[in-house]
Amino acid sequence: MALVVSAFLYALWNRDLRGSLQVRSTEAGDGSPIDQLSEAILGSGPIVPVFEGDRMQVEIRIETGRGSRGPARLSGSIGAAMLETAAGLVPRQGCSTERTVGPLRRGPVGARNWVLESGDPLGLFRRRRPSVDSELALVLPLFTSLTDRLHVREVEASLAAPRAGSGTEMFGVREYRPGDPLRRIHWRSSARHGTLIVREFEPPGVQTLGIFCDPSPATREVADQIARLAASEAWDCIRAGGRVIMWAPGAEATSPTEARSLWALLDWLARYPDESGDMGTAPPPTSDAIAVTASANAEIGDALETIKQRGGVARAWVVGEADIEADVPVQRTGLKWPL
């Protein structure tokens, strides 16, 4: 009886144990664009960016708040990989191990079904503390510059050329800054947010490029290729000083305030097409547009035609052999990357 009581008290003594996961580093895979990234262009981004094909070093750690504890075991899954670490005695400074996960595919990497188990050395009592599933990392799509491709370069010459403008076309809204003219205050938005919001207008000659993505790619491989092409077009446009808005029929477009942040655009593309739904959102107002699709989509076709009618330039990437519903220049490609 005394042995059982001792075992119970020992198991109770282990209740201060806790587990944690942290991405420590990544190993770049083939085609990773990490070497060409410029902080000046990208703005602030993730501390450890992760791209398709990378391998991720994850620290699995067991900590104790009040001196040595144990035994303990922490186990669960990261993506498709089952991982664990265990210790007979967890010292005051904690214990950890690193595991490699990958190569990784585009999209969220979930930490699921993680459980911290502790008990007594005799195995009479066991304590299981499951954790809430979470997103450990977001794997971004690969991208590269497409301006060296002959067909693209010919079309880009007209797409990137600044056009004279009045500077009165509304681009979006943002918080009021000292010095903003009072006539630009958007009173309805200000009342809704509880702070002053002003209209932001597109400066003359600044390109706002809309990249319209297929809302329902047939396979994950097709979706990955669409994301890579869209990311590459965004990279080229932002480097040239333009703005980019991502959109897919049924999905929420990226915010105009994120139009110069490649990180924000890559984030949207990493989750594509999961961002798509049945919300029926209208295409965002842009000066030019590029469709990236694998199927004929009436909403994308109408959006491209609208851009043309307003004097903008429109073209399309098609993954496969589908015919799109717009009279615009088309560049076709398969699933190979790089192109």
Protein backbone atom coordinates (compact mmCIF):
# COMPACT_ATOMS: atom_id res chain seq x y z
CA MET A 1 0.00 0.00 0.00
CA ALA A 2 2.81 2.39 0.88
CA LEU A 3 4.39 1.64 -2.50
CA VAL A 4 1.19 2.55 -4.31
CA VAL A 5 0.86 5.80 -2.35
CA SER A 6 4.47 6.67 -3.12
CA ALA A 7 3.93 6.00 -6.82
CA PHE A 8 0.81 8.17 -6.79
CA LEU A 9 2.62 11.04 -5.08
CA TYR A 10 5.50 10.72 -7.54
CA ALA A 11 3.12 10.90 -10.48
CA LEU A 12 1.42 13.94 -8.93
CA TRP A 13 4.85 15.53 -8.45
CA ASN A 14 5.37 15.34 -12.24
CA ARG A 15 2.39 17.58 -13.02
CA ASP A 16 4.66 20.60 -13.68
CA LEU A 17 6.09 19.07 -16.86
CA ARG A 18 5.21 20.76 -20.15
CA GLY A 19 6.11 20.27 -23.80
CA SER A 20 6.83 22.64 -26.69
CA LEU A 21 7.68 22.62 -30.41
CA GLN A 22 9.76 25.18 -32.28
CA VAL A 23 11.14 25.50 -35.81
CA ARG A 24 14.88 26.03 -35.44
CA SER A 25 16.12 26.17 -39.02
CA THR A 26 15.48 25.03 -42.57
CA GLU A 27 17.59 23.30 -45.18
CA ALA A 28 16.90 24.80 -48.60
CA GLY A 29 15.74 22.36 -51.24
CA ASP A 30 16.39 22.46 -54.98
CA GLY A 31 14.97 25.61 -56.53
CA SER A 32 14.50 27.43 -53.22
CA PRO A 33 14.43 31.20 -53.89
CA ILE A 34 15.92 32.11 -50.51
CA ASP A 35 19.18 33.45 -52.01
CA GLN A 36 17.41 35.99 -54.22
CA LEU A 37 15.14 37.45 -51.55
CA SER A 38 15.66 41.12 -50.73
CA GLU A 39 14.42 42.44 -47.41
CA ALA A 40 14.11 45.90 -48.95
CA ILE A 41 11.59 44.55 -51.46
CA LEU A 42 9.86 42.00 -49.27
CA GLY A 43 9.45 43.99 -46.08
CA SER A 44 9.25 42.16 -42.75
CA GLY A 45 8.54 38.47 -43.03
CA PRO A 46 8.77 35.22 -41.10
CA ILE A 47 11.91 34.67 -39.01
CA VAL A 48 12.41 31.26 -40.62
CA PRO A 49 10.85 31.25 -44.12
CA VAL A 50 10.01 27.77 -45.40
CA PHE A 51 9.59 26.96 -49.09
CA GLU A 52 8.49 23.91 -51.06
CA GLY A 53 11.12 21.18 -50.99
CA ASP A 54 12.84 22.54 -47.87
CA ARG A 55 13.57 20.39 -44.83
CA MET A 56 12.68 21.79 -41.45
CA GLN A 57 14.60 21.29 -38.20
CA VAL A 58 12.10 21.07 -35.33
CA GLU A 59 13.06 21.16 -31.66
CA ILE A 60 10.87 18.93 -29.48
CA ARG A 61 11.31 20.05 -25.89
CA ILE A 62 10.14 18.91 -22.45
CA GLU A 63 10.46 21.49 -19.69
CA THR A 64 9.93 21.50 -15.96
CA GLY A 65 9.08 24.46 -13.77
CA ARG A 66 10.25 23.17 -10.38
CA GLY A 67 13.42 21.16 -10.49
CA SER A 68 14.02 17.74 -12.01
CA ARG A 69 11.00 15.66 -12.98
CA GLY A 70 10.31 12.47 -14.90
CA PRO A 71 9.86 10.09 -16.55
CA ALA A 72 8.16 11.86 -19.47
CA ARG A 73 7.36 11.31 -23.13
CA LEU A 74 6.17 13.83 -25.73
CA SER A 75 4.78 12.52 -29.02
CA GLY A 76 2.63 13.58 -31.94
CA SER A 77 2.72 14.37 -35.66
CA ILE A 78 4.09 17.22 -37.75
CA GLY A 79 2.57 17.01 -41.19
CA ALA A 80 2.77 13.33 -42.13
CA ALA A 81 5.72 12.55 -39.82
CA MET A 82 5.25 10.91 -36.41
CA LEU A 83 7.78 12.23 -33.88
CA GLU A 84 8.56 11.80 -30.20
CA THR A 85 11.10 12.42 -27.46
CA ALA A 86 11.36 10.83 -24.01
CA ALA A 87 13.47 11.07 -20.88
CA GLY A 88 13.71 9.07 -17.68
CA LEU A 89 14.63 12.27 -15.83
CA VAL A 90 14.01 15.81 -17.08
CA PRO A 91 16.61 18.16 -15.51
CA ARG A 92 15.85 21.65 -14.28
CA GLN A 93 17.00 23.17 -17.60
CA GLY A 94 14.74 20.82 -19.54
CA CYS A 95 15.64 18.39 -22.30
CA SER A 96 15.16 18.51 -26.03
CA THR A 97 15.86 16.74 -29.28
CA GLU A 98 15.83 17.93 -32.89
CA ARG A 99 14.14 16.11 -35.73
CA THR A 100 14.18 16.76 -39.48
CA VAL A 101 10.85 16.99 -41.32
CA GLY A 102 10.62 17.10 -45.10
CA PRO A 103 10.91 17.61 -47.98
CA LEU A 104 7.85 19.77 -47.40
CA ARG A 105 4.91 20.52 -49.65
CA ARG A 106 3.25 23.90 -50.07
CA GLY A 107 0.68 24.80 -47.44
CA PRO A 108 0.21 24.80 -43.65
CA VAL A 109 2.22 22.30 -41.63
CA GLY A 110 0.08 21.19 -38.69
CA ALA A 111 1.20 19.94 -35.29
CA ARG A 112 -1.49 17.42 -34.38
CA ASN A 113 -2.30 14.92 -31.65
CA TRP A 114 0.61 15.94 -29.43
CA VAL A 115 0.46 14.36 -25.98
CA LEU A 116 2.74 14.79 -22.97
CA GLU A 117 2.77 11.64 -20.86
CA SER A 118 4.28 11.39 -17.38
CA GLY A 119 3.93 9.06 -14.44
CA ASP A 120 5.92 7.17 -11.85
CA PRO A 121 8.93 4.86 -12.36
CA LEU A 122 6.82 1.80 -11.54
CA GLY A 123 4.26 2.54 -14.24
CA LEU A 124 1.33 2.37 -11.82
CA PHE A 125 0.02 5.84 -12.66
CA ARG A 126 0.08 7.79 -15.89
CA ARG A 127 -0.87 11.36 -16.69
CA ARG A 128 -1.73 12.32 -20.29
CA ARG A 129 -1.93 15.98 -21.28
CA PRO A 130 -3.06 16.44 -24.91
CA SER A 131 -2.36 19.76 -26.60
CA VAL A 132 -4.52 21.75 -28.98
CA ASP A 133 -3.72 21.16 -32.66
CA SER A 134 -1.88 24.11 -34.16
CA GLU A 135 -0.13 25.38 -37.28
CA LEU A 136 3.63 25.04 -36.83
CA ALA A 137 4.75 26.54 -40.14
CA LEU A 138 3.48 27.72 -43.50
CA VAL A 139 5.30 26.36 -46.55
CA LEU A 140 5.51 29.01 -49.28
CA PRO A 141 5.42 28.35 -53.03
CA LEU A 142 8.59 28.42 -55.10
CA PHE A 143 9.05 31.32 -57.47
CA THR A 144 11.53 32.77 -59.92
CA SER A 145 11.76 35.65 -62.36
CA LEU A 146 9.84 35.06 -65.58
CA THR A 147 11.03 38.17 -67.41
CA ASP A 148 13.73 36.26 -69.27
CA ARG A 149 11.11 34.22 -71.12
CA LEU A 150 10.66 35.65 -74.65
CA HIS A 151 6.87 35.65 -74.79
CA VAL A 152 6.48 37.03 -71.31
CA ARG A 153 9.07 39.75 -71.90
CA GLU A 154 7.22 40.98 -75.00
CA VAL A 155 3.93 41.26 -73.15
CA GLU A 156 5.59 42.67 -70.00
CA ALA A 157 6.95 45.58 -72.03
CA SER A 158 3.43 46.93 -72.40
CA LEU A 159 2.16 45.63 -69.06
CA ALA A 160 4.82 47.42 -67.00
CA ALA A 161 4.83 50.67 -68.98
CA PRO A 162 3.50 53.52 -66.81
CA ARG A 163 0.36 55.14 -68.13
CA ALA A 164 -0.58 58.69 -67.45
CA GLY A 165 -3.23 58.94 -64.77
CA SER A 166 -5.05 61.56 -62.77
CA GLY A 167 -4.17 60.05 -59.42
CA THR A 168 -7.83 60.10 -58.43
CA GLU A 169 -8.62 56.40 -58.79
CA MET A 170 -9.35 54.96 -55.36
CA PHE A 171 -6.96 52.15 -54.45
CA GLY A 172 -7.99 51.32 -50.88
CA VAL A 173 -8.31 52.71 -47.37
CA ARG A 174 -5.89 53.04 -44.45
CA GLU A 175 -5.62 54.69 -41.05
CA TYR A 176 -5.34 58.46 -40.91
CA ARG A 177 -1.82 59.92 -40.69
CA PRO A 178 -0.95 63.46 -39.60
CA GLY A 179 -0.98 65.69 -42.65
CA ASP A 180 -3.63 63.74 -44.59
CA PRO A 181 -6.25 66.07 -46.16
CA LEU A 182 -9.53 65.98 -44.26
CA ARG A 183 -11.44 65.61 -47.53
CA ARG A 184 -9.97 62.08 -47.86
CA ILE A 185 -11.54 60.84 -44.62
CA HIS A 186 -13.92 57.94 -45.25
CA TRP A 187 -16.51 58.64 -42.58
CA ARG A 188 -18.43 55.39 -42.86
CA SER A 189 -15.28 53.29 -42.37
CA SER A 190 -14.12 55.61 -39.59
CA ALA A 191 -17.37 55.06 -37.69
CA ARG A 192 -17.14 51.30 -38.13
CA HIS A 193 -13.52 51.04 -36.93
CA GLY A 194 -13.70 53.68 -34.22
CA THR A 195 -10.71 55.57 -35.68
CA LEU A 196 -10.13 57.90 -38.59
CA ILE A 197 -9.83 56.08 -41.94
CA VAL A 198 -8.81 57.82 -45.15
CA ARG A 199 -9.15 56.92 -48.80
CA GLU A 200 -5.92 56.01 -50.56
CA PHE A 201 -5.62 56.90 -54.23
CA GLU A 202 -3.40 55.32 -56.83
CA PRO A 203 -0.57 57.67 -57.88
CA PRO A 204 -0.32 58.42 -61.62
CA GLY A 205 1.65 55.79 -63.50
CA VAL A 206 1.84 53.25 -60.65
CA GLN A 207 0.89 49.78 -61.84
CA THR A 208 -1.64 47.77 -59.85
CA LEU A 209 -1.53 44.24 -61.15
CA GLY A 210 -4.30 41.78 -60.44
CA ILE A 211 -3.34 38.10 -60.46
CA PHE A 212 -6.49 36.01 -60.86
CA CYS A 213 -6.13 32.33 -59.91
CA ASP A 214 -8.20 29.29 -60.86
CA PRO A 215 -10.67 28.72 -57.98
CA SER A 216 -10.86 24.94 -58.42
CA PRO A 217 -7.66 23.31 -59.71
CA ALA A 218 -8.22 19.65 -60.52
CA THR A 219 -5.26 18.29 -58.55
CA ARG A 220 -2.85 19.41 -55.88
CA GLU A 221 -0.03 19.34 -58.44
CA VAL A 222 -1.93 21.77 -60.68
CA ALA A 223 -2.64 24.05 -57.71
CA ASP A 224 1.07 24.04 -56.80
CA GLN A 225 2.04 25.09 -60.33
CA ILE A 226 -0.56 27.86 -60.37
CA ALA A 227 0.78 29.15 -57.04
CA ARG A 228 4.38 29.14 -58.36
CA LEU A 229 3.45 31.06 -61.50
CA ALA A 230 1.40 33.61 -59.55
CA ALA A 231 4.22 34.09 -57.03
CA SER A 232 6.75 34.58 -59.84
CA GLU A 233 4.59 37.20 -61.55
CA ALA A 234 4.14 39.00 -58.23
CA TRP A 235 7.91 38.93 -57.62
CA ASP A 236 8.63 40.52 -61.01
CA CYS A 237 5.95 43.20 -60.59
CA ILE A 238 7.00 44.24 -57.08
CA ARG A 239 10.68 44.41 -58.08
CA ALA A 240 9.64 46.78 -60.88
CA GLY A 241 7.90 49.05 -58.35
CA GLY A 242 4.33 47.90 -58.93
CA ARG A 243 1.56 46.66 -56.64
CA VAL A 244 -0.10 43.25 -56.71
CA ILE A 245 -3.50 41.99 -55.58
CA MET A 246 -4.25 38.24 -55.54
CA TRP A 247 -7.77 37.00 -56.14
CA ALA A 248 -9.69 33.86 -57.05
CA PRO A 249 -13.44 33.67 -57.71
CA GLY A 250 -15.19 32.96 -54.43
CA ALA A 251 -12.16 33.95 -52.36
CA GLU A 252 -11.29 37.10 -50.48
CA ALA A 253 -8.68 39.13 -52.36
CA THR A 254 -5.50 40.26 -50.65
CA SER A 255 -5.70 43.67 -49.02
CA PRO A 256 -4.56 46.78 -50.92
CA THR A 257 -2.37 47.57 -47.90
CA GLU A 258 -0.44 44.33 -48.61
CA ALA A 259 0.06 45.08 -52.31
CA ARG A 260 3.79 45.76 -51.92
CA SER A 261 4.53 42.92 -49.50
CA LEU A 262 5.61 39.74 -51.24
CA TRP A 263 5.41 37.91 -47.90
CA ALA A 264 1.69 38.66 -47.63
CA LEU A 265 1.11 37.52 -51.21
CA LEU A 266 3.12 34.31 -50.67
CA ASP A 267 1.08 33.66 -47.53
CA TRP A 268 -2.15 33.86 -49.56
CA LEU A 269 -0.71 31.57 -52.23
CA ALA A 270 0.55 29.08 -49.64
CA ARG A 271 -3.07 28.56 -48.53
CA TYR A 272 -4.50 28.62 -52.06
CA PRO A 273 -7.01 27.21 -53.00
CA ASP A 274 -8.17 26.73 -49.41
CA GLU A 275 -8.91 30.46 -49.32
CA SER A 276 -11.52 29.89 -52.03
CA GLY A 277 -15.14 29.36 -51.13
CA ASP A 278 -18.64 30.34 -52.14
CA MET A 279 -18.57 33.97 -51.00
CA GLY A 280 -19.00 35.29 -54.53
CA THR A 281 -16.50 38.11 -54.10
CA ALA A 282 -16.08 40.50 -57.02
CA PRO A 283 -12.70 40.90 -58.73
CA PRO A 284 -10.65 43.74 -57.22
CA PRO A 285 -10.21 46.96 -59.22
CA THR A 286 -6.78 46.83 -60.86
CA SER A 287 -5.12 48.57 -63.79
CA ASP A 288 -3.77 45.36 -65.41
CA ALA A 289 -4.31 41.64 -64.89
CA ILE A 290 -2.80 38.21 -65.36
CA ALA A 291 -4.91 35.08 -65.10
CA VAL A 292 -3.25 31.88 -63.90
CA THR A 293 -5.62 29.00 -64.51
CA ALA A 294 -6.05 25.42 -65.66
CA SER A 295 -9.68 25.66 -66.73
CA ALA A 296 -12.17 27.96 -68.39
CA ASN A 297 -13.73 30.15 -65.72
CA ALA A 298 -16.40 32.66 -66.66
CA GLU A 299 -15.66 35.03 -63.76
CA ILE A 300 -11.97 35.21 -64.60
CA GLY A 301 -12.79 35.67 -68.30
CA ASP A 302 -15.18 38.53 -67.52
CA ALA A 303 -12.61 40.15 -65.22
CA LEU A 304 -9.96 40.09 -67.95
CA GLU A 305 -12.36 41.57 -70.51
CA THR A 306 -13.27 44.33 -68.05
CA ILE A 307 -9.59 45.21 -67.63
CA LYS A 308 -9.22 45.44 -71.42
CA GLN A 309 -12.31 47.64 -71.77
CA ARG A 310 -10.83 50.06 -69.22
CA GLY A 311 -7.63 50.35 -71.27
CA GLY A 312 -5.55 47.96 -69.21
CA VAL A 313 -3.38 45.09 -70.37
CA ALA A 314 -4.39 41.48 -69.71
CA ARG A 315 -2.81 38.10 -70.44
CA ALA A 316 -2.96 34.56 -69.08
CA TRP A 317 -0.97 31.53 -68.02
CA VAL A 318 -2.74 28.25 -68.67
CA VAL A 319 -1.53 25.05 -67.01
CA GLY A 320 -2.54 22.40 -69.54
CA GLU A 321 -4.65 22.71 -72.68
CA ALA A 322 -7.82 24.41 -71.48
CA ASP A 323 -9.31 27.29 -73.49
CA ILE A 324 -10.01 30.41 -71.45
CA GLU A 325 -13.02 32.66 -71.92
CA ALA A 326 -11.17 35.85 -72.87
CA ASP A 327 -9.38 37.17 -75.93
CA VAL A 328 -5.94 37.73 -74.37
CA PRO A 329 -2.39 36.48 -75.05
CA VAL A 330 -1.91 33.02 -73.52
CA GLN A 331 1.25 31.26 -72.37
CA ARG A 332 0.86 27.51 -71.79
CA THR A 333 2.88 25.30 -69.52
CA GLY A 334 2.81 21.89 -67.86
CA LEU A 335 3.67 20.83 -64.32
CA LYS A 336 7.45 20.97 -64.67
CA TRP A 337 9.31 23.44 -62.46
CA PRO A 338 11.42 25.42 -63.19
CA LEU A 339 9.75 26.11 -66.53
